[in-house]
Amino acid sequence: MEINANQFSNREITVTYDPTVCTNAGRCARELSDVFRNSVIPWIDIDGASSDKIIEQVKKCPSGALKFYHNQKMAV
């Protein structure tokens, strides 16, 4: 069975989460609980903190289940 990574976006970044790779979601929930919530679906609230704080937490992911990229800015 193939499970696609979940994607969560705001204006600046997109965070992807692959539950098949995750080894310790509790760490994220402890360290940035306004974004990574154990008891709520979807468990990632991309608007729960600044993009910089989310990026900092994603970089701490020991398994690589969380990744991020900067969204392209559209010309107006």
C-alpha atoms as a PDB file:
ATOM      1  CA  MET A   1       0.000   0.000   0.000  1.00  0.00           C
ATOM      2  CA  GLU A   2       1.442   3.368  -1.001  1.00  0.00           C
ATOM      3  CA  ILE A   3       0.946   6.307   1.348  1.00  0.00           C
ATOM      4  CA  ASN A   4       1.673   9.783   0.032  1.00  0.00           C
ATOM      5  CA  ALA A   5       3.389  12.334   2.228  1.00  0.00           C
ATOM      6  CA  ASN A   6       1.056  14.936   3.686  1.00  0.00           C
ATOM      7  CA  GLN A   7       1.600  18.546   2.623  1.00  0.00           C
ATOM      8  CA  PHE A   8       0.827  21.675   4.631  1.00  0.00           C
ATOM      9  CA  SER A   9       1.425  25.153   3.179  1.00  0.00           C
ATOM     10  CA  ASN A  10       1.299  28.788   4.160  1.00  0.00           C
ATOM     11  CA  ARG A  11       2.352  31.736   2.024  1.00  0.00           C
ATOM     12  CA  GLU A  12       6.066  31.173   2.641  1.00  0.00           C
ATOM     13  CA  ILE A  13       6.737  27.452   3.062  1.00  0.00           C
ATOM     14  CA  THR A  14       5.354  23.980   2.499  1.00  0.00           C
ATOM     15  CA  VAL A  15       5.994  21.241   5.050  1.00  0.00           C
ATOM     16  CA  THR A  16       5.726  17.606   4.006  1.00  0.00           C
ATOM     17  CA  TYR A  17       5.265  14.721   6.411  1.00  0.00           C
ATOM     18  CA  ASP A  18       5.760  11.058   5.576  1.00  0.00           C
ATOM     19  CA  PRO A  19       4.204   8.928   8.339  1.00  0.00           C
ATOM     20  CA  THR A  20       5.874   5.775   7.011  1.00  0.00           C
ATOM     21  CA  VAL A  21       9.291   7.254   7.858  1.00  0.00           C
ATOM     22  CA  CYS A  22       8.481   8.975  11.174  1.00  0.00           C
ATOM     23  CA  THR A  23      10.101   7.451  14.248  1.00  0.00           C
ATOM     24  CA  ASN A  24       9.279   9.987  16.978  1.00  0.00           C
ATOM     25  CA  ALA A  25       6.367  12.407  16.362  1.00  0.00           C
ATOM     26  CA  GLY A  26       6.242  13.084  20.096  1.00  0.00           C
ATOM     27  CA  ARG A  27       9.427  15.126  19.869  1.00  0.00           C
ATOM     28  CA  CYS A  28       7.830  17.625  17.504  1.00  0.00           C
ATOM     29  CA  ALA A  29       4.681  17.779  19.610  1.00  0.00           C
ATOM     30  CA  ARG A  30       6.729  18.526  22.744  1.00  0.00           C
ATOM     31  CA  GLU A  31       8.996  21.117  21.176  1.00  0.00           C
ATOM     32  CA  LEU A  32       6.480  23.026  19.007  1.00  0.00           C
ATOM     33  CA  SER A  33       3.037  21.987  20.201  1.00  0.00           C
ATOM     34  CA  ASP A  34       1.194  24.888  18.539  1.00  0.00           C
ATOM     35  CA  VAL A  35       2.100  23.384  15.167  1.00  0.00           C
ATOM     36  CA  PHE A  36       2.577  19.658  15.765  1.00  0.00           C
ATOM     37  CA  ARG A  37      -0.465  18.378  17.676  1.00  0.00           C
ATOM     38  CA  ASN A  38      -0.823  14.743  18.745  1.00  0.00           C
ATOM     39  CA  SER A  39      -4.562  14.729  19.389  1.00  0.00           C
ATOM     40  CA  VAL A  40      -5.878  16.727  16.411  1.00  0.00           C
ATOM     41  CA  ILE A  41      -6.270  15.841  12.739  1.00  0.00           C
ATOM     42  CA  PRO A  42      -4.624  17.191  10.696  1.00  0.00           C
ATOM     43  CA  TRP A  43      -1.808  17.018  13.191  1.00  0.00           C
ATOM     44  CA  ILE A  44       0.190  19.850  11.593  1.00  0.00           C
ATOM     45  CA  ASP A  45      -1.205  23.392  11.930  1.00  0.00           C
ATOM     46  CA  ILE A  46       1.043  25.355   9.589  1.00  0.00           C
ATOM     47  CA  ASP A  47      -0.384  28.630  10.951  1.00  0.00           C
ATOM     48  CA  GLY A  48       0.476  27.747  14.567  1.00  0.00           C
ATOM     49  CA  ALA A  49       3.890  29.452  14.523  1.00  0.00           C
ATOM     50  CA  SER A  50       6.136  31.560  12.325  1.00  0.00           C
ATOM     51  CA  SER A  51       7.700  29.942   9.285  1.00  0.00           C
ATOM     52  CA  ASP A  52      11.142  30.413  10.856  1.00  0.00           C
ATOM     53  CA  LYS A  53      10.157  28.457  13.988  1.00  0.00           C
ATOM     54  CA  ILE A  54       8.613  25.685  11.881  1.00  0.00           C
ATOM     55  CA  ILE A  55      11.737  25.430   9.727  1.00  0.00           C
ATOM     56  CA  GLU A  56      13.897  25.248  12.856  1.00  0.00           C
ATOM     57  CA  GLN A  57      11.801  22.349  14.189  1.00  0.00           C
ATOM     58  CA  VAL A  58      11.660  20.498  10.864  1.00  0.00           C
ATOM     59  CA  LYS A  59      15.457  20.615  10.690  1.00  0.00           C
ATOM     60  CA  LYS A  60      15.549  18.724  14.031  1.00  0.00           C
ATOM     61  CA  CYS A  61      13.560  15.772  12.632  1.00  0.00           C
ATOM     62  CA  PRO A  62      15.804  12.746  13.234  1.00  0.00           C
ATOM     63  CA  SER A  63      14.108  10.456  10.696  1.00  0.00           C
ATOM     64  CA  GLY A  64      13.658  12.841   7.780  1.00  0.00           C
ATOM     65  CA  ALA A  65       9.873  12.360   7.870  1.00  0.00           C
ATOM     66  CA  LEU A  66       9.443  16.129   7.991  1.00  0.00           C
ATOM     67  CA  LYS A  67      10.794  18.265   5.172  1.00  0.00           C
ATOM     68  CA  PHE A  68      10.139  21.805   4.012  1.00  0.00           C
ATOM     69  CA  TYR A  69      10.669  23.996   1.016  1.00  0.00           C
ATOM     70  CA  HIS A  70      10.176  27.669   0.306  1.00  0.00           C
ATOM     71  CA  ASN A  71       7.219  28.456  -1.921  1.00  0.00           C
ATOM     72  CA  GLN A  72       7.863  30.392  -5.099  1.00  0.00           C
ATOM     73  CA  LYS A  73       6.736  33.988  -5.014  1.00  0.00           C
ATOM     74  CA  MET A  74       4.359  34.954  -7.774  1.00  0.00           C
ATOM     75  CA  ALA A  75       5.010  38.206  -9.649  1.00  0.00           C
ATOM     76  CA  VAL A  76       2.173  40.689  -9.299  1.00  0.00           C
END
